[in-house]
Amino acid sequence: MQRVTYLTSPDVDPRLYPPAGQDFVSTYRQKFGKAPEPGAIFGYEAMKVTLLAIQNAGDRGNDPAAVINAIFQIKDRDSPLGKYSIDENGDTTLSDYGAYRVENGDLTFDMLLKTDA
């Protein structure tokens, strides 16, 4: 009997990202000669949104509380991951997840899961 393990992750098949995500993958591949690791796009967006919050905090950009407040004000941001907002808990409103299966030691994207946002 062959056993199959299933798991979910916020990572999705790179072909399913919006145009900005496709650009990220393409630019990364051109610069580094290989596809990015799945988490790379999340690190990229985390830095982009942090820099945006610092910018939006204006002359208080060096005040951690002001920057945190600016993060909570982010609404309908178009990003490589798709459009999202930051909710009152500090979570994004992104609702897509990847469903993967592990067969014979290989991780394979299976399908896109959409949750209620």
PDB file of N, CA and C in Angstrom:
ATOM      1  N   MET A   1       0.831  -1.173   0.000  1.00  0.00           N
ATOM      2  CA  MET A   1       0.000   0.000   0.000  1.00  0.00           C
ATOM      3  C   MET A   1       0.886   1.251   0.000  1.00  0.00           C
ATOM      4  N   GLN A   2       0.621   2.147  -0.922  1.00  0.00           N
ATOM      5  CA  GLN A   2       1.361   3.399  -0.989  1.00  0.00           C
ATOM      6  C   GLN A   2       0.687   4.422  -0.077  1.00  0.00           C
ATOM      7  N   ARG A   3       1.476   5.051   0.760  1.00  0.00           N
ATOM      8  CA  ARG A   3       0.948   6.066   1.662  1.00  0.00           C
ATOM      9  C   ARG A   3       1.198   7.439   1.073  1.00  0.00           C
ATOM     10  N   VAL A   4       0.210   8.300   1.211  1.00  0.00           N
ATOM     11  CA  VAL A   4       0.323   9.668   0.733  1.00  0.00           C
ATOM     12  C   VAL A   4       0.048  10.594   1.908  1.00  0.00           C
ATOM     13  N   THR A   5       0.893  11.574   2.080  1.00  0.00           N
ATOM     14  CA  THR A   5       0.714  12.583   3.116  1.00  0.00           C
ATOM     15  C   THR A   5       0.280  13.877   2.455  1.00  0.00           C
ATOM     16  N   TYR A   6      -0.695  14.542   3.057  1.00  0.00           N
ATOM     17  CA  TYR A   6      -1.175  15.824   2.548  1.00  0.00           C
ATOM     18  C   TYR A   6      -0.864  16.920   3.554  1.00  0.00           C
ATOM     19  N   LEU A   7      -0.590  18.125   3.072  1.00  0.00           N
ATOM     20  CA  LEU A   7      -0.370  19.259   3.942  1.00  0.00           C
ATOM     21  C   LEU A   7      -0.803  20.532   3.254  1.00  0.00           C
ATOM     22  N   THR A   8      -1.021  21.566   4.059  1.00  0.00           N
ATOM     23  CA  THR A   8      -1.375  22.870   3.500  1.00  0.00           C
ATOM     24  C   THR A   8      -0.311  23.884   3.888  1.00  0.00           C
ATOM     25  N   SER A   9      -0.227  24.928   3.097  1.00  0.00           N
ATOM     26  CA  SER A   9       0.776  25.965   3.303  1.00  0.00           C
ATOM     27  C   SER A   9       0.276  27.257   2.656  1.00  0.00           C
ATOM     28  N   PRO A  10       0.698  28.418   3.167  1.00  0.00           N
ATOM     29  CA  PRO A  10       0.340  29.654   2.475  1.00  0.00           C
ATOM     30  C   PRO A  10       1.049  29.783   1.129  1.00  0.00           C
ATOM     31  N   ASP A  11       2.055  28.943   0.899  1.00  0.00           N
ATOM     32  CA  ASP A  11       2.729  28.929  -0.406  1.00  0.00           C
ATOM     33  C   ASP A  11       1.798  28.296  -1.435  1.00  0.00           C
ATOM     34  N   VAL A  12       1.720  28.919  -2.593  1.00  0.00           N
ATOM     35  CA  VAL A  12       0.951  28.328  -3.690  1.00  0.00           C
ATOM     36  C   VAL A  12       1.890  28.120  -4.873  1.00  0.00           C
ATOM     37  N   ASP A  13       1.419  27.409  -5.847  1.00  0.00           N
ATOM     38  CA  ASP A  13       2.199  27.226  -7.065  1.00  0.00           C
ATOM     39  C   ASP A  13       2.504  28.616  -7.633  1.00  0.00           C
ATOM     40  N   PRO A  14       3.766  28.932  -7.903  1.00  0.00           N
ATOM     41  CA  PRO A  14       4.118  30.265  -8.394  1.00  0.00           C
ATOM     42  C   PRO A  14       3.332  30.708  -9.635  1.00  0.00           C
ATOM     43  N   ARG A  15       2.866  29.765 -10.425  1.00  0.00           N
ATOM     44  CA  ARG A  15       2.081  30.133 -11.612  1.00  0.00           C
ATOM     45  C   ARG A  15       0.740  30.742 -11.247  1.00  0.00           C
ATOM     46  N   LEU A  16       0.312  30.600  -9.984  1.00  0.00           N
ATOM     47  CA  LEU A  16      -0.980  31.118  -9.545  1.00  0.00           C
ATOM     48  C   LEU A  16      -0.889  32.508  -8.917  1.00  0.00           C
ATOM     49  N   TYR A  17       0.313  33.046  -8.782  1.00  0.00           N
ATOM     50  CA  TYR A  17       0.446  34.395  -8.239  1.00  0.00           C
ATOM     51  C   TYR A  17      -0.054  35.422  -9.246  1.00  0.00           C
ATOM     52  N   PRO A  18      -0.487  36.588  -8.767  1.00  0.00           N
ATOM     53  CA  PRO A  18      -0.911  37.657  -9.684  1.00  0.00           C
ATOM     54  C   PRO A  18       0.297  38.180 -10.470  1.00  0.00           C
ATOM     55  N   PRO A  19       0.074  39.089 -11.413  1.00  0.00           N
ATOM     56  CA  PRO A  19       1.188  39.592 -12.237  1.00  0.00           C
ATOM     57  C   PRO A  19       2.393  40.083 -11.433  1.00  0.00           C
ATOM     58  N   ALA A  20       2.170  40.772 -10.331  1.00  0.00           N
ATOM     59  CA  ALA A  20       3.308  41.250  -9.529  1.00  0.00           C
ATOM     60  C   ALA A  20       4.100  40.074  -8.956  1.00  0.00           C
ATOM     61  N   GLY A  21       3.431  38.996  -8.615  1.00  0.00           N
ATOM     62  CA  GLY A  21       4.105  37.796  -8.135  1.00  0.00           C
ATOM     63  C   GLY A  21       4.878  37.116  -9.249  1.00  0.00           C
ATOM     64  N   GLN A  22       4.294  37.101 -10.441  1.00  0.00           N
ATOM     65  CA  GLN A  22       4.992  36.540 -11.596  1.00  0.00           C
ATOM     66  C   GLN A  22       6.264  37.339 -11.882  1.00  0.00           C
ATOM     67  N   ASP A  23       6.168  38.671 -11.764  1.00  0.00           N
ATOM     68  CA  ASP A  23       7.338  39.524 -11.973  1.00  0.00           C
ATOM     69  C   ASP A  23       8.417  39.228 -10.936  1.00  0.00           C
ATOM     70  N   PHE A  24       7.995  39.035  -9.670  1.00  0.00           N
ATOM     71  CA  PHE A  24       8.964  38.705  -8.621  1.00  0.00           C
ATOM     72  C   PHE A  24       9.713  37.423  -8.972  1.00  0.00           C
ATOM     73  N   VAL A  25       8.974  36.381  -9.336  1.00  0.00           N
ATOM     74  CA  VAL A  25       9.593  35.090  -9.668  1.00  0.00           C
ATOM     75  C   VAL A  25      10.529  35.236 -10.859  1.00  0.00           C
ATOM     76  N   SER A  26      10.084  35.947 -11.894  1.00  0.00           N
ATOM     77  CA  SER A  26      10.902  36.133 -13.089  1.00  0.00           C
ATOM     78  C   SER A  26      12.180  36.919 -12.789  1.00  0.00           C
ATOM     79  N   THR A  27      12.052  38.005 -12.052  1.00  0.00           N
ATOM     80  CA  THR A  27      13.216  38.823 -11.705  1.00  0.00           C
ATOM     81  C   THR A  27      14.195  38.042 -10.834  1.00  0.00           C
ATOM     82  N   TYR A  28      13.656  37.292  -9.889  1.00  0.00           N
ATOM     83  CA  TYR A  28      14.512  36.469  -9.021  1.00  0.00           C
ATOM     84  C   TYR A  28      15.281  35.454  -9.862  1.00  0.00           C
ATOM     85  N   ARG A  29      14.572  34.786 -10.757  1.00  0.00           N
ATOM     86  CA  ARG A  29      15.200  33.762 -11.606  1.00  0.00           C
ATOM     87  C   ARG A  29      16.306  34.394 -12.470  1.00  0.00           C
ATOM     88  N   GLN A  30      16.043  35.574 -13.028  1.00  0.00           N
ATOM     89  CA  GLN A  30      17.049  36.247 -13.860  1.00  0.00           C
ATOM     90  C   GLN A  30      18.282  36.631 -13.041  1.00  0.00           C
ATOM     91  N   LYS A  31      18.045  37.116 -11.824  1.00  0.00           N
ATOM     92  CA  LYS A  31      19.157  37.590 -10.999  1.00  0.00           C
ATOM     93  C   LYS A  31      19.974  36.455 -10.398  1.00  0.00           C
ATOM     94  N   PHE A  32      19.305  35.384  -9.962  1.00  0.00           N
ATOM     95  CA  PHE A  32      20.001  34.325  -9.235  1.00  0.00           C
ATOM     96  C   PHE A  32      20.141  33.012 -10.011  1.00  0.00           C
ATOM     97  N   GLY A  33      19.550  32.944 -11.199  1.00  0.00           N
ATOM     98  CA  GLY A  33      19.718  31.764 -12.037  1.00  0.00           C
ATOM     99  C   GLY A  33      18.919  30.550 -11.608  1.00  0.00           C
ATOM    100  N   LYS A  34      17.974  30.746 -10.722  1.00  0.00           N
ATOM    101  CA  LYS A  34      17.119  29.642 -10.280  1.00  0.00           C
ATOM    102  C   LYS A  34      15.820  30.222  -9.728  1.00  0.00           C
ATOM    103  N   ALA A  35      14.832  29.357  -9.592  1.00  0.00           N
ATOM    104  CA  ALA A  35      13.552  29.783  -9.033  1.00  0.00           C
ATOM    105  C   ALA A  35      13.718  30.082  -7.545  1.00  0.00           C
ATOM    106  N   PRO A  36      12.958  31.036  -7.020  1.00  0.00           N
ATOM    107  CA  PRO A  36      13.049  31.319  -5.592  1.00  0.00           C
ATOM    108  C   PRO A  36      12.477  30.184  -4.753  1.00  0.00           C
ATOM    109  N   GLU A  37      12.998  30.034  -3.556  1.00  0.00           N
ATOM    110  CA  GLU A  37      12.401  29.103  -2.601  1.00  0.00           C
ATOM    111  C   GLU A  37      10.996  29.607  -2.288  1.00  0.00           C
ATOM    112  N   PRO A  38      10.083  28.720  -1.900  1.00  0.00           N
ATOM    113  CA  PRO A  38       8.695  29.149  -1.678  1.00  0.00           C
ATOM    114  C   PRO A  38       8.532  30.322  -0.710  1.00  0.00           C
ATOM    115  N   GLY A  39       9.318  30.385   0.342  1.00  0.00           N
ATOM    116  CA  GLY A  39       9.155  31.459   1.316  1.00  0.00           C
ATOM    117  C   GLY A  39       9.746  32.791   0.904  1.00  0.00           C
ATOM    118  N   ALA A  40      10.517  32.832  -0.179  1.00  0.00           N
ATOM    119  CA  ALA A  40      11.199  34.061  -0.581  1.00  0.00           C
ATOM    120  C   ALA A  40      10.215  35.193  -0.860  1.00  0.00           C
ATOM    121  N   ILE A  41       9.113  34.896  -1.496  1.00  0.00           N
ATOM    122  CA  ILE A  41       8.147  35.931  -1.836  1.00  0.00           C
ATOM    123  C   ILE A  41       7.517  36.533  -0.574  1.00  0.00           C
ATOM    124  N   PHE A  42       7.411  35.723   0.492  1.00  0.00           N
ATOM    125  CA  PHE A  42       6.866  36.222   1.753  1.00  0.00           C
ATOM    126  C   PHE A  42       7.861  37.162   2.437  1.00  0.00           C
ATOM    127  N   GLY A  43       9.141  36.801   2.411  1.00  0.00           N
ATOM    128  CA  GLY A  43      10.165  37.680   2.963  1.00  0.00           C
ATOM    129  C   GLY A  43      10.239  38.995   2.207  1.00  0.00           C
ATOM    130  N   TYR A  44      10.147  38.906   0.887  1.00  0.00           N
ATOM    131  CA  TYR A  44      10.163  40.100   0.041  1.00  0.00           C
ATOM    132  C   TYR A  44       9.003  41.015   0.410  1.00  0.00           C
ATOM    133  N   GLU A  45       7.808  40.455   0.498  1.00  0.00           N
ATOM    134  CA  GLU A  45       6.635  41.279   0.802  1.00  0.00           C
ATOM    135  C   GLU A  45       6.689  41.805   2.228  1.00  0.00           C
ATOM    136  N   ALA A  46       7.196  41.023   3.176  1.00  0.00           N
ATOM    137  CA  ALA A  46       7.311  41.494   4.556  1.00  0.00           C
ATOM    138  C   ALA A  46       8.205  42.732   4.631  1.00  0.00           C
ATOM    139  N   MET A  47       9.307  42.708   3.891  1.00  0.00           N
ATOM    140  CA  MET A  47      10.194  43.872   3.892  1.00  0.00           C
ATOM    141  C   MET A  47       9.528  45.059   3.197  1.00  0.00           C
ATOM    142  N   LYS A  48       8.858  44.803   2.083  1.00  0.00           N
ATOM    143  CA  LYS A  48       8.182  45.890   1.364  1.00  0.00           C
ATOM    144  C   LYS A  48       7.133  46.567   2.243  1.00  0.00           C
ATOM    145  N   VAL A  49       6.341  45.771   2.959  1.00  0.00           N
ATOM    146  CA  VAL A  49       5.277  46.343   3.779  1.00  0.00           C
ATOM    147  C   VAL A  49       5.867  47.047   5.007  1.00  0.00           C
ATOM    148  N   THR A  50       6.974  46.553   5.527  1.00  0.00           N
ATOM    149  CA  THR A  50       7.636  47.223   6.643  1.00  0.00           C
ATOM    150  C   THR A  50       8.187  48.580   6.214  1.00  0.00           C
ATOM    151  N   LEU A  51       8.834  48.610   5.063  1.00  0.00           N
ATOM    152  CA  LEU A  51       9.349  49.883   4.558  1.00  0.00           C
ATOM    153  C   LEU A  51       8.214  50.854   4.249  1.00  0.00           C
ATOM    154  N   LEU A  52       7.100  50.346   3.744  1.00  0.00           N
ATOM    155  CA  LEU A  52       5.933  51.194   3.493  1.00  0.00           C
ATOM    156  C   LEU A  52       5.407  51.783   4.800  1.00  0.00           C
ATOM    157  N   ALA A  53       5.345  50.964   5.846  1.00  0.00           N
ATOM    158  CA  ALA A  53       4.867  51.454   7.141  1.00  0.00           C
ATOM    159  C   ALA A  53       5.804  52.525   7.700  1.00  0.00           C
ATOM    160  N   ILE A  54       7.112  52.336   7.559  1.00  0.00           N
ATOM    161  CA  ILE A  54       8.071  53.354   8.007  1.00  0.00           C
ATOM    162  C   ILE A  54       7.851  54.652   7.242  1.00  0.00           C
ATOM    163  N   GLN A  55       7.676  54.520   5.937  1.00  0.00           N
ATOM    164  CA  GLN A  55       7.426  55.697   5.102  1.00  0.00           C
ATOM    165  C   GLN A  55       6.120  56.377   5.523  1.00  0.00           C
ATOM    166  N   ASN A  56       5.075  55.584   5.722  1.00  0.00           N
ATOM    167  CA  ASN A  56       3.772  56.151   6.083  1.00  0.00           C
ATOM    168  C   ASN A  56       3.759  56.760   7.482  1.00  0.00           C
ATOM    169  N   ALA A  57       4.684  56.344   8.343  1.00  0.00           N
ATOM    170  CA  ALA A  57       4.780  56.945   9.675  1.00  0.00           C
ATOM    171  C   ALA A  57       5.399  58.341   9.607  1.00  0.00           C
ATOM    172  N   GLY A  58       5.923  58.688   8.454  1.00  0.00           N
ATOM    173  CA  GLY A  58       6.442  60.037   8.241  1.00  0.00           C
ATOM    174  C   GLY A  58       7.597  60.366   9.156  1.00  0.00           C
ATOM    175  N   ASP A  59       7.540  61.552   9.777  1.00  0.00           N
ATOM    176  CA  ASP A  59       8.651  61.980  10.625  1.00  0.00           C
ATOM    177  C   ASP A  59       8.745  61.165  11.918  1.00  0.00           C
ATOM    178  N   ARG A  60       7.797  60.238  12.127  1.00  0.00           N
ATOM    179  CA  ARG A  60       7.856  59.326  13.271  1.00  0.00           C
ATOM    180  C   ARG A  60       8.295  57.925  12.825  1.00  0.00           C
ATOM    181  N   GLY A  61       8.926  57.829  11.661  1.00  0.00           N
ATOM    182  CA  GLY A  61       9.360  56.555  11.115  1.00  0.00           C
ATOM    183  C   GLY A  61      10.394  55.827  11.951  1.00  0.00           C
ATOM    184  N   ASN A  62      11.006  56.522  12.913  1.00  0.00           N
ATOM    185  CA  ASN A  62      11.962  55.861  13.810  1.00  0.00           C
ATOM    186  C   ASN A  62      11.316  55.494  15.151  1.00  0.00           C
ATOM    187  N   ASP A  63      10.004  55.672  15.265  1.00  0.00           N
ATOM    188  CA  ASP A  63       9.253  55.344  16.478  1.00  0.00           C
ATOM    189  C   ASP A  63       8.529  54.014  16.258  1.00  0.00           C
ATOM    190  N   PRO A  64       8.962  52.950  16.947  1.00  0.00           N
ATOM    191  CA  PRO A  64       8.350  51.633  16.726  1.00  0.00           C
ATOM    192  C   PRO A  64       6.826  51.628  16.855  1.00  0.00           C
ATOM    193  N   ALA A  65       6.281  52.348  17.820  1.00  0.00           N
ATOM    194  CA  ALA A  65       4.825  52.376  17.996  1.00  0.00           C
ATOM    195  C   ALA A  65       4.135  53.013  16.794  1.00  0.00           C
ATOM    196  N   ALA A  66       4.736  54.054  16.234  1.00  0.00           N
ATOM    197  CA  ALA A  66       4.152  54.713  15.061  1.00  0.00           C
ATOM    198  C   ALA A  66       4.202  53.790  13.839  1.00  0.00           C
ATOM    199  N   VAL A  67       5.290  53.038  13.714  1.00  0.00           N
ATOM    200  CA  VAL A  67       5.424  52.115  12.585  1.00  0.00           C
ATOM    201  C   VAL A  67       4.412  50.978  12.722  1.00  0.00           C
ATOM    202  N   ILE A  68       4.264  50.456  13.920  1.00  0.00           N
ATOM    203  CA  ILE A  68       3.266  49.397  14.143  1.00  0.00           C
ATOM    204  C   ILE A  68       1.874  49.915  13.815  1.00  0.00           C
ATOM    205  N   ASN A  69       1.569  51.121  14.265  1.00  0.00           N
ATOM    206  CA  ASN A  69       0.270  51.721  13.957  1.00  0.00           C
ATOM    207  C   ASN A  69       0.084  51.860  12.437  1.00  0.00           C
ATOM    208  N   ALA A  70       1.133  52.238  11.744  1.00  0.00           N
ATOM    209  CA  ALA A  70       1.060  52.387  10.287  1.00  0.00           C
ATOM    210  C   ALA A  70       0.816  51.042   9.609  1.00  0.00           C
ATOM    211  N   ILE A  71       1.380  49.970  10.156  1.00  0.00           N
ATOM    212  CA  ILE A  71       1.132  48.636   9.591  1.00  0.00           C
ATOM    213  C   ILE A  71      -0.353  48.293   9.696  1.00  0.00           C
ATOM    214  N   PHE A  72      -0.951  48.600  10.846  1.00  0.00           N
ATOM    215  CA  PHE A  72      -2.374  48.302  11.039  1.00  0.00           C
ATOM    216  C   PHE A  72      -3.276  49.138  10.128  1.00  0.00           C
ATOM    217  N   GLN A  73      -2.746  50.195   9.555  1.00  0.00           N
ATOM    218  CA  GLN A  73      -3.538  51.054   8.659  1.00  0.00           C
ATOM    219  C   GLN A  73      -3.481  50.589   7.205  1.00  0.00           C
ATOM    220  N   ILE A  74      -2.698  49.573   6.910  1.00  0.00           N
ATOM    221  CA  ILE A  74      -2.554  49.111   5.524  1.00  0.00           C
ATOM    222  C   ILE A  74      -3.836  48.424   5.078  1.00  0.00           C
ATOM    223  N   LYS A  75      -4.407  48.941   4.013  1.00  0.00           N
ATOM    224  CA  LYS A  75      -5.667  48.412   3.473  1.00  0.00           C
ATOM    225  C   LYS A  75      -5.543  48.260   1.958  1.00  0.00           C
ATOM    226  N   ASP A  76      -6.071  47.154   1.451  1.00  0.00           N
ATOM    227  CA  ASP A  76      -6.146  46.898   0.001  1.00  0.00           C
ATOM    228  C   ASP A  76      -4.805  47.093  -0.705  1.00  0.00           C
ATOM    229  N   ARG A  77      -3.764  46.529  -0.131  1.00  0.00           N
ATOM    230  CA  ARG A  77      -2.434  46.623  -0.740  1.00  0.00           C
ATOM    231  C   ARG A  77      -2.301  45.617  -1.875  1.00  0.00           C
ATOM    232  N   ASP A  78      -1.954  46.119  -3.045  1.00  0.00           N
ATOM    233  CA  ASP A  78      -1.639  45.237  -4.171  1.00  0.00           C
ATOM    234  C   ASP A  78      -0.203  44.774  -3.982  1.00  0.00           C
ATOM    235  N   SER A  79      -0.012  43.471  -3.988  1.00  0.00           N
ATOM    236  CA  SER A  79       1.317  42.931  -3.720  1.00  0.00           C
ATOM    237  C   SER A  79       1.571  41.715  -4.605  1.00  0.00           C
ATOM    238  N   PRO A  80       2.794  41.184  -4.579  1.00  0.00           N
ATOM    239  CA  PRO A  80       3.072  39.958  -5.326  1.00  0.00           C
ATOM    240  C   PRO A  80       2.236  38.767  -4.864  1.00  0.00           C
ATOM    241  N   LEU A  81       1.714  38.846  -3.647  1.00  0.00           N
ATOM    242  CA  LEU A  81       0.881  37.759  -3.114  1.00  0.00           C
ATOM    243  C   LEU A  81      -0.593  37.944  -3.422  1.00  0.00           C
ATOM    244  N   GLY A  82      -0.959  39.099  -3.923  1.00  0.00           N
ATOM    245  CA  GLY A  82      -2.356  39.446  -4.167  1.00  0.00           C
ATOM    246  C   GLY A  82      -2.735  40.647  -3.328  1.00  0.00           C
ATOM    247  N   LYS A  83      -3.977  41.080  -3.450  1.00  0.00           N
ATOM    248  CA  LYS A  83      -4.443  42.244  -2.702  1.00  0.00           C
ATOM    249  C   LYS A  83      -4.807  41.816  -1.285  1.00  0.00           C
ATOM    250  N   TYR A  84      -4.365  42.589  -0.298  1.00  0.00           N
ATOM    251  CA  TYR A  84      -4.686  42.270   1.087  1.00  0.00           C
ATOM    252  C   TYR A  84      -4.714  43.521   1.948  1.00  0.00           C
ATOM    253  N   SER A  85      -5.306  43.344   3.117  1.00  0.00           N
ATOM    254  CA  SER A  85      -5.294  44.356   4.172  1.00  0.00           C
ATOM    255  C   SER A  85      -4.726  43.703   5.423  1.00  0.00           C
ATOM    256  N   ILE A  86      -4.404  44.540   6.402  1.00  0.00           N
ATOM    257  CA  ILE A  86      -3.992  44.054   7.721  1.00  0.00           C
ATOM    258  C   ILE A  86      -5.197  44.226   8.639  1.00  0.00           C
ATOM    259  N   ASP A  87      -5.614  43.156   9.288  1.00  0.00           N
ATOM    260  CA  ASP A  87      -6.799  43.240  10.145  1.00  0.00           C
ATOM    261  C   ASP A  87      -6.429  43.691  11.558  1.00  0.00           C
ATOM    262  N   GLU A  88      -7.427  43.782  12.426  1.00  0.00           N
ATOM    263  CA  GLU A  88      -7.219  44.289  13.788  1.00  0.00           C
ATOM    264  C   GLU A  88      -6.303  43.398  14.638  1.00  0.00           C
ATOM    265  N   ASN A  89      -6.072  42.165  14.195  1.00  0.00           N
ATOM    266  CA  ASN A  89      -5.168  41.257  14.907  1.00  0.00           C
ATOM    267  C   ASN A  89      -3.758  41.266  14.334  1.00  0.00           C
ATOM    268  N   GLY A  90      -3.546  42.033  13.269  1.00  0.00           N
ATOM    269  CA  GLY A  90      -2.237  42.070  12.629  1.00  0.00           C
ATOM    270  C   GLY A  90      -2.046  41.001  11.570  1.00  0.00           C
ATOM    271  N   ASP A  91      -3.135  40.291  11.249  1.00  0.00           N
ATOM    272  CA  ASP A  91      -3.080  39.258  10.212  1.00  0.00           C
ATOM    273  C   ASP A  91      -3.438  39.852   8.861  1.00  0.00           C
ATOM    274  N   THR A  92      -2.974  39.202   7.804  1.00  0.00           N
ATOM    275  CA  THR A  92      -3.391  39.633   6.476  1.00  0.00           C
ATOM    276  C   THR A  92      -4.747  39.017   6.151  1.00  0.00           C
ATOM    277  N   THR A  93      -5.391  39.589   5.179  1.00  0.00           N
ATOM    278  CA  THR A  93      -6.665  39.047   4.710  1.00  0.00           C
ATOM    279  C   THR A  93      -6.477  38.092   3.537  1.00  0.00           C
ATOM    280  N   LEU A  94      -5.228  37.722   3.242  1.00  0.00           N
ATOM    281  CA  LEU A  94      -4.992  36.744   2.175  1.00  0.00           C
ATOM    282  C   LEU A  94      -5.695  35.437   2.538  1.00  0.00           C
ATOM    283  N   SER A  95      -6.308  34.813   1.550  1.00  0.00           N
ATOM    284  CA  SER A  95      -7.109  33.627   1.860  1.00  0.00           C
ATOM    285  C   SER A  95      -6.777  32.411   1.006  1.00  0.00           C
ATOM    286  N   ASP A  96      -5.723  32.477   0.217  1.00  0.00           N
ATOM    287  CA  ASP A  96      -5.342  31.344  -0.620  1.00  0.00           C
ATOM    288  C   ASP A  96      -4.274  30.505   0.077  1.00  0.00           C
ATOM    289  N   TYR A  97      -4.440  29.210  -0.014  1.00  0.00           N
ATOM    290  CA  TYR A  97      -3.471  28.260   0.535  1.00  0.00           C
ATOM    291  C   TYR A  97      -3.184  27.200  -0.510  1.00  0.00           C
ATOM    292  N   GLY A  98      -1.990  26.664  -0.454  1.00  0.00           N
ATOM    293  CA  GLY A  98      -1.645  25.562  -1.331  1.00  0.00           C
ATOM    294  C   GLY A  98      -1.874  24.239  -0.621  1.00  0.00           C
ATOM    295  N   ALA A  99      -2.454  23.294  -1.313  1.00  0.00           N
ATOM    296  CA  ALA A  99      -2.584  21.926  -0.815  1.00  0.00           C
ATOM    297  C   ALA A  99      -1.520  21.106  -1.541  1.00  0.00           C
ATOM    298  N   TYR A 100      -0.701  20.430  -0.764  1.00  0.00           N
ATOM    299  CA  TYR A 100       0.411  19.645  -1.305  1.00  0.00           C
ATOM    300  C   TYR A 100       0.268  18.196  -0.870  1.00  0.00           C
ATOM    301  N   ARG A 101       0.895  17.331  -1.623  1.00  0.00           N
ATOM    302  CA  ARG A 101       0.951  15.921  -1.239  1.00  0.00           C
ATOM    303  C   ARG A 101       2.413  15.481  -1.293  1.00  0.00           C
ATOM    304  N   VAL A 102       2.740  14.579  -0.407  1.00  0.00           N
ATOM    305  CA  VAL A 102       4.072  13.993  -0.385  1.00  0.00           C
ATOM    306  C   VAL A 102       3.916  12.553  -0.832  1.00  0.00           C
ATOM    307  N   GLU A 103       4.542  12.254  -1.946  1.00  0.00           N
ATOM    308  CA  GLU A 103       4.501  10.893  -2.480  1.00  0.00           C
ATOM    309  C   GLU A 103       5.928  10.453  -2.766  1.00  0.00           C
ATOM    310  N   ASN A 104       6.295   9.344  -2.180  1.00  0.00           N
ATOM    311  CA  ASN A 104       7.642   8.809  -2.377  1.00  0.00           C
ATOM    312  C   ASN A 104       8.715   9.849  -2.061  1.00  0.00           C
ATOM    313  N   GLY A 105       8.470  10.663  -1.050  1.00  0.00           N
ATOM    314  CA  GLY A 105       9.446  11.645  -0.619  1.00  0.00           C
ATOM    315  C   GLY A 105       9.436  12.956  -1.371  1.00  0.00           C
ATOM    316  N   ASP A 106       8.578  13.112  -2.366  1.00  0.00           N
ATOM    317  CA  ASP A 106       8.530  14.341  -3.159  1.00  0.00           C
ATOM    318  C   ASP A 106       7.313  15.168  -2.786  1.00  0.00           C
ATOM    319  N   LEU A 107       7.517  16.474  -2.591  1.00  0.00           N
ATOM    320  CA  LEU A 107       6.429  17.402  -2.309  1.00  0.00           C
ATOM    321  C   LEU A 107       5.896  17.931  -3.628  1.00  0.00           C
ATOM    322  N   THR A 108       4.591  17.768  -3.855  1.00  0.00           N
ATOM    323  CA  THR A 108       3.976  18.153  -5.115  1.00  0.00           C
ATOM    324  C   THR A 108       2.746  19.013  -4.857  1.00  0.00           C
ATOM    325  N   PHE A 109       2.673  20.156  -5.540  1.00  0.00           N
ATOM    326  CA  PHE A 109       1.480  20.999  -5.431  1.00  0.00           C
ATOM    327  C   PHE A 109       0.293  20.230  -5.989  1.00  0.00           C
ATOM    328  N   ASP A 110      -0.800  20.237  -5.238  1.00  0.00           N
ATOM    329  CA  ASP A 110      -1.987  19.496  -5.643  1.00  0.00           C
ATOM    330  C   ASP A 110      -3.111  20.412  -6.091  1.00  0.00           C
ATOM    331  N   MET A 111      -3.438  21.423  -5.248  1.00  0.00           N
ATOM    332  CA  MET A 111      -4.531  22.323  -5.615  1.00  0.00           C
ATOM    333  C   MET A 111      -4.486  23.589  -4.781  1.00  0.00           C
ATOM    334  N   LEU A 112      -5.209  24.597  -5.258  1.00  0.00           N
ATOM    335  CA  LEU A 112      -5.370  25.844  -4.552  1.00  0.00           C
ATOM    336  C   LEU A 112      -6.602  25.760  -3.666  1.00  0.00           C
ATOM    337  N   LEU A 113      -6.456  26.135  -2.403  1.00  0.00           N
ATOM    338  CA  LEU A 113      -7.579  26.180  -1.470  1.00  0.00           C
ATOM    339  C   LEU A 113      -7.886  27.643  -1.168  1.00  0.00           C
ATOM    340  N   LYS A 114      -9.145  28.009  -1.219  1.00  0.00           N
ATOM    341  CA  LYS A 114      -9.565  29.365  -0.879  1.00  0.00           C
ATOM    342  C   LYS A 114     -10.400  29.310   0.380  1.00  0.00           C
ATOM    343  N   THR A 115     -10.033  30.125   1.361  1.00  0.00           N
ATOM    344  CA  THR A 115     -10.808  30.177   2.587  1.00  0.00           C
ATOM    345  C   THR A 115     -11.680  31.424   2.568  1.00  0.00           C
ATOM    346  N   ASP A 116     -12.608  31.496   3.467  1.00  0.00           N
ATOM    347  CA  ASP A 116     -13.412  32.703   3.607  1.00  0.00           C
ATOM    348  C   ASP A 116     -12.567  33.756   4.283  1.00  0.00           C
ATOM    349  N   ALA A 117     -12.480  34.888   3.667  1.00  0.00           N
ATOM    350  CA  ALA A 117     -11.667  35.974   4.246  1.00  0.00           C
ATOM    351  C   ALA A 117     -12.457  36.761   5.261  1.00  0.00           C
TER     352      ALA A 117
END
